[in-house]
Amino acid sequence: MSSLALMLPSSIAVGLFFGYLLDKWLGTRPWLLIIFTLLGVASGLMTLVRGINRLNREDMEDKGNAHIH
Protein backbone atom coordinates (compact mmCIF):
# COMPACT_ATOMS: atom_id res chain seq x y z
CA MET A 1 0.00 0.00 0.00
CA SER A 2 2.79 2.44 0.84
CA SER A 3 4.37 1.90 -2.57
CA LEU A 4 1.16 3.16 -4.20
CA ALA A 5 1.60 6.49 -2.45
CA LEU A 6 4.99 6.93 -4.11
CA MET A 7 4.00 5.87 -7.63
CA LEU A 8 2.53 9.15 -8.86
CA PRO A 9 5.19 11.52 -7.48
CA SER A 10 8.07 9.30 -8.58
CA SER A 11 6.67 8.96 -12.12
CA ILE A 12 6.27 12.73 -12.36
CA ALA A 13 9.81 13.26 -11.04
CA VAL A 14 11.26 10.86 -13.62
CA GLY A 15 9.37 12.65 -16.41
CA LEU A 16 10.57 16.04 -15.20
CA PHE A 17 14.16 14.83 -14.93
CA PHE A 18 14.35 13.31 -18.42
CA GLY A 19 12.44 16.17 -20.00
CA TYR A 20 14.78 18.70 -18.41
CA LEU A 21 17.90 16.80 -19.49
CA LEU A 22 16.68 16.33 -23.05
CA ASP A 23 15.63 19.98 -23.32
CA LYS A 24 19.03 21.09 -22.09
CA TRP A 25 20.85 18.72 -24.45
CA LEU A 26 18.71 19.41 -27.54
CA GLY A 27 17.89 23.07 -26.85
CA THR A 28 14.14 22.51 -27.20
CA ARG A 29 13.20 24.22 -23.92
CA PRO A 30 10.43 23.84 -22.56
CA TRP A 31 8.69 21.40 -24.91
CA LEU A 32 10.27 18.10 -23.91
CA LEU A 33 9.96 19.03 -20.24
CA ILE A 34 6.22 19.54 -20.72
CA ILE A 35 5.77 16.39 -22.81
CA PHE A 36 7.75 14.14 -20.47
CA THR A 37 6.05 15.59 -17.40
CA LEU A 38 2.65 14.83 -18.92
CA LEU A 39 3.83 11.32 -19.80
CA GLY A 40 5.02 10.90 -16.21
CA VAL A 41 1.63 12.00 -14.89
CA ALA A 42 -0.18 9.60 -17.24
CA SER A 43 2.16 6.74 -16.35
CA GLY A 44 1.80 7.42 -12.64
CA LEU A 45 -1.98 7.55 -12.82
CA MET A 46 -2.14 4.32 -14.81
CA THR A 47 0.12 2.57 -12.31
CA LEU A 48 -1.89 3.95 -9.41
CA VAL A 49 -5.20 2.76 -10.89
CA ARG A 50 -3.75 -0.70 -11.61
CA GLY A 51 -2.43 -0.97 -8.08
CA ILE A 52 -5.74 0.08 -6.54
CA ASN A 53 -7.61 -2.41 -8.73
CA ARG A 54 -5.18 -5.17 -7.68
CA LEU A 55 -5.66 -4.32 -4.00
CA ASN A 56 -9.45 -4.33 -4.43
CA ARG A 57 -9.30 -7.70 -6.19
CA GLU A 58 -7.13 -9.17 -3.45
CA ASP A 59 -9.47 -7.76 -0.79
CA MET A 60 -12.49 -9.32 -2.51
CA GLU A 61 -10.67 -12.67 -2.77
CA ASP A 62 -9.78 -12.50 0.93
CA LYS A 63 -13.40 -11.81 1.84
CA GLY A 64 -14.54 -14.70 -0.34
CA ASN A 65 -12.03 -17.08 1.29
CA ALA A 66 -13.15 -15.99 4.76
CA HIS A 67 -16.58 -17.52 4.20
CA ILE A 68 -15.08 -20.90 3.31
CA HIS A 69 -13.49 -21.43 6.75
PDB file of N, CA and C in Angstrom:
ATOM      1  N   MET A   1       0.822  -1.195   0.000  1.00  0.00           N
ATOM      2  CA  MET A   1       0.000   0.000   0.000  1.00  0.00           C
ATOM      3  C   MET A   1       0.863   1.254   0.000  1.00  0.00           C
ATOM      4  N   SER A   2       1.952   1.252   0.767  1.00  0.00           N
ATOM      5  CA  SER A   2       2.794   2.442   0.835  1.00  0.00           C
ATOM      6  C   SER A   2       3.486   2.718  -0.498  1.00  0.00           C
ATOM      7  N   SER A   3       3.742   1.679  -1.270  1.00  0.00           N
ATOM      8  CA  SER A   3       4.374   1.900  -2.575  1.00  0.00           C
ATOM      9  C   SER A   3       3.429   2.626  -3.527  1.00  0.00           C
ATOM     10  N   LEU A   4       2.119   2.436  -3.358  1.00  0.00           N
ATOM     11  CA  LEU A   4       1.164   3.161  -4.204  1.00  0.00           C
ATOM     12  C   LEU A   4       1.243   4.660  -3.988  1.00  0.00           C
ATOM     13  N   ALA A   5       1.526   5.070  -2.750  1.00  0.00           N
ATOM     14  CA  ALA A   5       1.603   6.495  -2.446  1.00  0.00           C
ATOM     15  C   ALA A   5       2.788   7.158  -3.134  1.00  0.00           C
ATOM     16  N   LEU A   6       3.801   6.376  -3.468  1.00  0.00           N
ATOM     17  CA  LEU A   6       4.993   6.926  -4.106  1.00  0.00           C
ATOM     18  C   LEU A   6       4.972   6.829  -5.625  1.00  0.00           C
ATOM     19  N   MET A   7       4.030   6.091  -6.182  1.00  0.00           N
ATOM     20  CA  MET A   7       3.998   5.868  -7.627  1.00  0.00           C
ATOM     21  C   MET A   7       3.815   7.159  -8.426  1.00  0.00           C
ATOM     22  N   LEU A   8       2.827   7.936  -8.089  1.00  0.00           N
ATOM     23  CA  LEU A   8       2.534   9.147  -8.857  1.00  0.00           C
ATOM     24  C   LEU A   8       3.660  10.166  -8.744  1.00  0.00           C
ATOM     25  N   PRO A   9       4.112  10.534  -7.548  1.00  0.00           N
ATOM     26  CA  PRO A   9       5.191  11.524  -7.479  1.00  0.00           C
ATOM     27  C   PRO A   9       6.497  11.058  -8.126  1.00  0.00           C
ATOM     28  N   SER A  10       6.821   9.776  -7.986  1.00  0.00           N
ATOM     29  CA  SER A  10       8.066   9.295  -8.580  1.00  0.00           C
ATOM     30  C   SER A  10       7.982   9.282 -10.103  1.00  0.00           C
ATOM     31  N   SER A  11       6.835   8.937 -10.667  1.00  0.00           N
ATOM     32  CA  SER A  11       6.668   8.961 -12.120  1.00  0.00           C
ATOM     33  C   SER A  11       6.779  10.383 -12.659  1.00  0.00           C
ATOM     34  N   ILE A  12       6.185  11.323 -11.946  1.00  0.00           N
ATOM     35  CA  ILE A  12       6.273  12.725 -12.361  1.00  0.00           C
ATOM     36  C   ILE A  12       7.721  13.206 -12.279  1.00  0.00           C
ATOM     37  N   ALA A  13       8.417  12.839 -11.211  1.00  0.00           N
ATOM     38  CA  ALA A  13       9.809  13.256 -11.043  1.00  0.00           C
ATOM     39  C   ALA A  13      10.695  12.707 -12.157  1.00  0.00           C
ATOM     40  N   VAL A  14      10.471  11.457 -12.536  1.00  0.00           N
ATOM     41  CA  VAL A  14      11.261  10.862 -13.620  1.00  0.00           C
ATOM     42  C   VAL A  14      10.984  11.596 -14.931  1.00  0.00           C
ATOM     43  N   GLY A  15       9.720  11.899 -15.204  1.00  0.00           N
ATOM     44  CA  GLY A  15       9.373  12.647 -16.411  1.00  0.00           C
ATOM     45  C   GLY A  15      10.000  14.032 -16.431  1.00  0.00           C
ATOM     46  N   LEU A  16       9.941  14.721 -15.300  1.00  0.00           N
ATOM     47  CA  LEU A  16      10.571  16.043 -15.198  1.00  0.00           C
ATOM     48  C   LEU A  16      12.071  15.960 -15.446  1.00  0.00           C
ATOM     49  N   PHE A  17      12.708  14.985 -14.825  1.00  0.00           N
ATOM     50  CA  PHE A  17      14.156  14.827 -14.929  1.00  0.00           C
ATOM     51  C   PHE A  17      14.585  14.595 -16.384  1.00  0.00           C
ATOM     52  N   PHE A  18      13.961  13.609 -17.039  1.00  0.00           N
ATOM     53  CA  PHE A  18      14.350  13.309 -18.417  1.00  0.00           C
ATOM     54  C   PHE A  18      13.977  14.433 -19.373  1.00  0.00           C
ATOM     55  N   GLY A  19      12.822  15.049 -19.156  1.00  0.00           N
ATOM     56  CA  GLY A  19      12.437  16.175 -19.997  1.00  0.00           C
ATOM     57  C   GLY A  19      13.402  17.332 -19.874  1.00  0.00           C
ATOM     58  N   TYR A  20      13.820  17.625 -18.648  1.00  0.00           N
ATOM     59  CA  TYR A  20      14.785  18.704 -18.410  1.00  0.00           C
ATOM     60  C   TYR A  20      16.116  18.400 -19.092  1.00  0.00           C
ATOM     61  N   LEU A  21      16.610  17.168 -18.881  1.00  0.00           N
ATOM     62  CA  LEU A  21      17.897  16.805 -19.489  1.00  0.00           C
ATOM     63  C   LEU A  21      17.852  16.857 -21.013  1.00  0.00           C
ATOM     64  N   LEU A  22      16.789  16.325 -21.586  1.00  0.00           N
ATOM     65  CA  LEU A  22      16.684  16.334 -23.048  1.00  0.00           C
ATOM     66  C   LEU A  22      16.530  17.752 -23.591  1.00  0.00           C
ATOM     67  N   ASP A  23      15.765  18.581 -22.912  1.00  0.00           N
ATOM     68  CA  ASP A  23      15.634  19.978 -23.325  1.00  0.00           C
ATOM     69  C   ASP A  23      16.979  20.690 -23.284  1.00  0.00           C
ATOM     70  N   LYS A  24      17.727  20.450 -22.237  1.00  0.00           N
ATOM     71  CA  LYS A  24      19.033  21.085 -22.094  1.00  0.00           C
ATOM     72  C   LYS A  24      19.989  20.605 -23.185  1.00  0.00           C
ATOM     73  N   TRP A  25      19.947  19.307 -23.461  1.00  0.00           N
ATOM     74  CA  TRP A  25      20.849  18.720 -24.454  1.00  0.00           C
ATOM     75  C   TRP A  25      20.472  19.128 -25.877  1.00  0.00           C
ATOM     76  N   LEU A  26      19.164  19.136 -26.180  1.00  0.00           N
ATOM     77  CA  LEU A  26      18.706  19.414 -27.540  1.00  0.00           C
ATOM     78  C   LEU A  26      18.329  20.878 -27.772  1.00  0.00           C
ATOM     79  N   GLY A  27      18.251  21.664 -26.715  1.00  0.00           N
ATOM     80  CA  GLY A  27      17.887  23.067 -26.846  1.00  0.00           C
ATOM     81  C   GLY A  27      16.440  23.284 -27.259  1.00  0.00           C
ATOM     82  N   THR A  28      15.562  22.428 -26.809  1.00  0.00           N
ATOM     83  CA  THR A  28      14.145  22.514 -27.197  1.00  0.00           C
ATOM     84  C   THR A  28      13.276  23.060 -26.074  1.00  0.00           C
ATOM     85  N   ARG A  29      13.882  23.742 -25.128  1.00  0.00           N
ATOM     86  CA  ARG A  29      13.205  24.221 -23.923  1.00  0.00           C
ATOM     87  C   ARG A  29      11.922  24.939 -24.242  1.00  0.00           C
ATOM     88  N   PRO A  30      10.811  24.736 -23.641  1.00  0.00           N
ATOM     89  CA  PRO A  30      10.428  23.837 -22.555  1.00  0.00           C
ATOM     90  C   PRO A  30       9.631  22.641 -23.038  1.00  0.00           C
ATOM     91  N   TRP A  31       9.631  22.364 -24.342  1.00  0.00           N
ATOM     92  CA  TRP A  31       8.691  21.396 -24.914  1.00  0.00           C
ATOM     93  C   TRP A  31       8.862  19.975 -24.403  1.00  0.00           C
ATOM     94  N   LEU A  32      10.085  19.482 -24.374  1.00  0.00           N
ATOM     95  CA  LEU A  32      10.274  18.104 -23.908  1.00  0.00           C
ATOM     96  C   LEU A  32      10.006  17.982 -22.416  1.00  0.00           C
ATOM     97  N   LEU A  33      10.283  19.031 -21.660  1.00  0.00           N
ATOM     98  CA  LEU A  33       9.955  19.034 -20.241  1.00  0.00           C
ATOM     99  C   LEU A  33       8.450  18.884 -20.049  1.00  0.00           C
ATOM    100  N   ILE A  34       7.682  19.623 -20.812  1.00  0.00           N
ATOM    101  CA  ILE A  34       6.216  19.545 -20.721  1.00  0.00           C
ATOM    102  C   ILE A  34       5.721  18.166 -21.142  1.00  0.00           C
ATOM    103  N   ILE A  35       6.224  17.682 -22.270  1.00  0.00           N
ATOM    104  CA  ILE A  35       5.775  16.391 -22.808  1.00  0.00           C
ATOM    105  C   ILE A  35       6.114  15.253 -21.844  1.00  0.00           C
ATOM    106  N   PHE A  36       7.352  15.225 -21.357  1.00  0.00           N
ATOM    107  CA  PHE A  36       7.753  14.139 -20.467  1.00  0.00           C
ATOM    108  C   PHE A  36       7.083  14.235 -19.105  1.00  0.00           C
ATOM    109  N   THR A  37       6.785  15.444 -18.653  1.00  0.00           N
ATOM    110  CA  THR A  37       6.046  15.592 -17.400  1.00  0.00           C
ATOM    111  C   THR A  37       4.635  15.038 -17.556  1.00  0.00           C
ATOM    112  N   LEU A  38       3.989  15.359 -18.667  1.00  0.00           N
ATOM    113  CA  LEU A  38       2.648  14.828 -18.915  1.00  0.00           C
ATOM    114  C   LEU A  38       2.670  13.305 -19.053  1.00  0.00           C
ATOM    115  N   LEU A  39       3.694  12.781 -19.709  1.00  0.00           N
ATOM    116  CA  LEU A  39       3.831  11.323 -19.805  1.00  0.00           C
ATOM    117  C   LEU A  39       4.052  10.703 -18.426  1.00  0.00           C
ATOM    118  N   GLY A  40       4.814  11.379 -17.572  1.00  0.00           N
ATOM    119  CA  GLY A  40       5.024  10.901 -16.209  1.00  0.00           C
ATOM    120  C   GLY A  40       3.735  10.891 -15.411  1.00  0.00           C
ATOM    121  N   VAL A  41       2.921  11.943 -15.573  1.00  0.00           N
ATOM    122  CA  VAL A  41       1.626  12.000 -14.889  1.00  0.00           C
ATOM    123  C   VAL A  41       0.731  10.860 -15.367  1.00  0.00           C
ATOM    124  N   ALA A  42       0.662  10.667 -16.686  1.00  0.00           N
ATOM    125  CA  ALA A  42      -0.179   9.601 -17.239  1.00  0.00           C
ATOM    126  C   ALA A  42       0.295   8.230 -16.763  1.00  0.00           C
ATOM    127  N   SER A  43       1.603   8.016 -16.796  1.00  0.00           N
ATOM    128  CA  SER A  43       2.155   6.742 -16.352  1.00  0.00           C
ATOM    129  C   SER A  43       1.881   6.508 -14.869  1.00  0.00           C
ATOM    130  N   GLY A  44       2.057   7.540 -14.070  1.00  0.00           N
ATOM    131  CA  GLY A  44       1.804   7.417 -12.639  1.00  0.00           C
ATOM    132  C   GLY A  44       0.354   7.122 -12.333  1.00  0.00           C
ATOM    133  N   LEU A  45      -0.552   7.789 -13.038  1.00  0.00           N
ATOM    134  CA  LEU A  45      -1.982   7.547 -12.821  1.00  0.00           C
ATOM    135  C   LEU A  45      -2.378   6.136 -13.235  1.00  0.00           C
ATOM    136  N   MET A  46      -1.837   5.681 -14.365  1.00  0.00           N
ATOM    137  CA  MET A  46      -2.144   4.318 -14.812  1.00  0.00           C
ATOM    138  C   MET A  46      -1.642   3.297 -13.803  1.00  0.00           C
ATOM    139  N   THR A  47      -0.445   3.485 -13.300  1.00  0.00           N
ATOM    140  CA  THR A  47       0.122   2.573 -12.313  1.00  0.00           C
ATOM    141  C   THR A  47      -0.681   2.608 -11.024  1.00  0.00           C
ATOM    142  N   LEU A  48      -1.088   3.797 -10.618  1.00  0.00           N
ATOM    143  CA  LEU A  48      -1.888   3.951  -9.411  1.00  0.00           C
ATOM    144  C   LEU A  48      -3.233   3.241  -9.535  1.00  0.00           C
ATOM    145  N   VAL A  49      -3.899   3.411 -10.666  1.00  0.00           N
ATOM    146  CA  VAL A  49      -5.197   2.762 -10.892  1.00  0.00           C
ATOM    147  C   VAL A  49      -5.039   1.246 -10.916  1.00  0.00           C
ATOM    148  N   ARG A  50      -3.995   0.749 -11.585  1.00  0.00           N
ATOM    149  CA  ARG A  50      -3.755  -0.702 -11.613  1.00  0.00           C
ATOM    150  C   ARG A  50      -3.508  -1.246 -10.212  1.00  0.00           C
ATOM    151  N   GLY A  51      -2.718  -0.523  -9.433  1.00  0.00           N
ATOM    152  CA  GLY A  51      -2.426  -0.967  -8.076  1.00  0.00           C
ATOM    153  C   GLY A  51      -3.659  -0.986  -7.194  1.00  0.00           C
ATOM    154  N   ILE A  52      -4.494   0.038  -7.319  1.00  0.00           N
ATOM    155  CA  ILE A  52      -5.736   0.084  -6.538  1.00  0.00           C
ATOM    156  C   ILE A  52      -6.664  -1.051  -6.952  1.00  0.00           C
ATOM    157  N   ASN A  53      -6.773  -1.299  -8.253  1.00  0.00           N
ATOM    158  CA  ASN A  53      -7.608  -2.411  -8.729  1.00  0.00           C
ATOM    159  C   ASN A  53      -7.090  -3.745  -8.208  1.00  0.00           C
ATOM    160  N   ARG A  54      -5.763  -3.921  -8.187  1.00  0.00           N
ATOM    161  CA  ARG A  54      -5.175  -5.166  -7.684  1.00  0.00           C
ATOM    162  C   ARG A  54      -5.481  -5.329  -6.200  1.00  0.00           C
ATOM    163  N   LEU A  55      -5.351  -4.243  -5.429  1.00  0.00           N
ATOM    164  CA  LEU A  55      -5.664  -4.317  -4.002  1.00  0.00           C
ATOM    165  C   LEU A  55      -7.139  -4.643  -3.770  1.00  0.00           C
ATOM    166  N   ASN A  56      -8.014  -4.040  -4.562  1.00  0.00           N
ATOM    167  CA  ASN A  56      -9.449  -4.326  -4.434  1.00  0.00           C
ATOM    168  C   ASN A  56      -9.748  -5.784  -4.766  1.00  0.00           C
ATOM    169  N   ARG A  57      -9.107  -6.298  -5.810  1.00  0.00           N
ATOM    170  CA  ARG A  57      -9.303  -7.704  -6.194  1.00  0.00           C
ATOM    171  C   ARG A  57      -8.829  -8.640  -5.087  1.00  0.00           C
ATOM    172  N   GLU A  58      -7.654  -8.343  -4.530  1.00  0.00           N
ATOM    173  CA  GLU A  58      -7.131  -9.172  -3.449  1.00  0.00           C
ATOM    174  C   GLU A  58      -8.031  -9.102  -2.218  1.00  0.00           C
ATOM    175  N   ASP A  59      -8.567  -7.928  -1.938  1.00  0.00           N
ATOM    176  CA  ASP A  59      -9.471  -7.764  -0.795  1.00  0.00           C
ATOM    177  C   ASP A  59     -10.748  -8.577  -0.999  1.00  0.00           C
ATOM    178  N   MET A  60     -11.284  -8.554  -2.216  1.00  0.00           N
ATOM    179  CA  MET A  60     -12.494  -9.323  -2.511  1.00  0.00           C
ATOM    180  C   MET A  60     -12.214 -10.818  -2.400  1.00  0.00           C
ATOM    181  N   GLU A  61     -11.035 -11.261  -2.866  1.00  0.00           N
ATOM    182  CA  GLU A  61     -10.674 -12.674  -2.767  1.00  0.00           C
ATOM    183  C   GLU A  61     -10.529 -13.080  -1.306  1.00  0.00           C
ATOM    184  N   ASP A  62      -9.931 -12.202  -0.496  1.00  0.00           N
ATOM    185  CA  ASP A  62      -9.778 -12.502   0.928  1.00  0.00           C
ATOM    186  C   ASP A  62     -11.133 -12.615   1.607  1.00  0.00           C
ATOM    187  N   LYS A  63     -12.060 -11.750   1.253  1.00  0.00           N
ATOM    188  CA  LYS A  63     -13.403 -11.807   1.840  1.00  0.00           C
ATOM    189  C   LYS A  63     -14.121 -13.071   1.397  1.00  0.00           C
ATOM    190  N   GLY A  64     -13.911 -13.479   0.145  1.00  0.00           N
ATOM    191  CA  GLY A  64     -14.535 -14.702  -0.341  1.00  0.00           C
ATOM    192  C   GLY A  64     -13.966 -15.931   0.333  1.00  0.00           C
ATOM    193  N   ASN A  65     -12.669 -15.943   0.615  1.00  0.00           N
ATOM    194  CA  ASN A  65     -12.031 -17.078   1.293  1.00  0.00           C
ATOM    195  C   ASN A  65     -12.409 -17.127   2.755  1.00  0.00           C
ATOM    196  N   ALA A  66     -12.780 -16.019   3.341  1.00  0.00           N
ATOM    197  CA  ALA A  66     -13.148 -15.991   4.763  1.00  0.00           C
ATOM    198  C   ALA A  66     -14.445 -16.766   5.013  1.00  0.00           C
ATOM    199  N   HIS A  67     -15.316 -16.813   4.038  1.00  0.00           N
ATOM    200  CA  HIS A  67     -16.579 -17.523   4.200  1.00  0.00           C
ATOM    201  C   HIS A  67     -16.397 -19.034   4.094  1.00  0.00           C
ATOM    202  N   ILE A  68     -15.331 -19.467   3.497  1.00  0.00           N
ATOM    203  CA  ILE A  68     -15.079 -20.896   3.306  1.00  0.00           C
ATOM    204  C   ILE A  68     -14.713 -21.544   4.642  1.00  0.00           C
ATOM    205  N   HIS A  69     -13.971 -20.847   5.477  1.00  0.00           N
ATOM    206  CA  HIS A  69     -13.487 -21.432   6.750  1.00  0.00           C
ATOM    207  C   HIS A  69     -14.604 -21.631   7.655  1.00  0.00           C
TER     208      HIS A  69
END
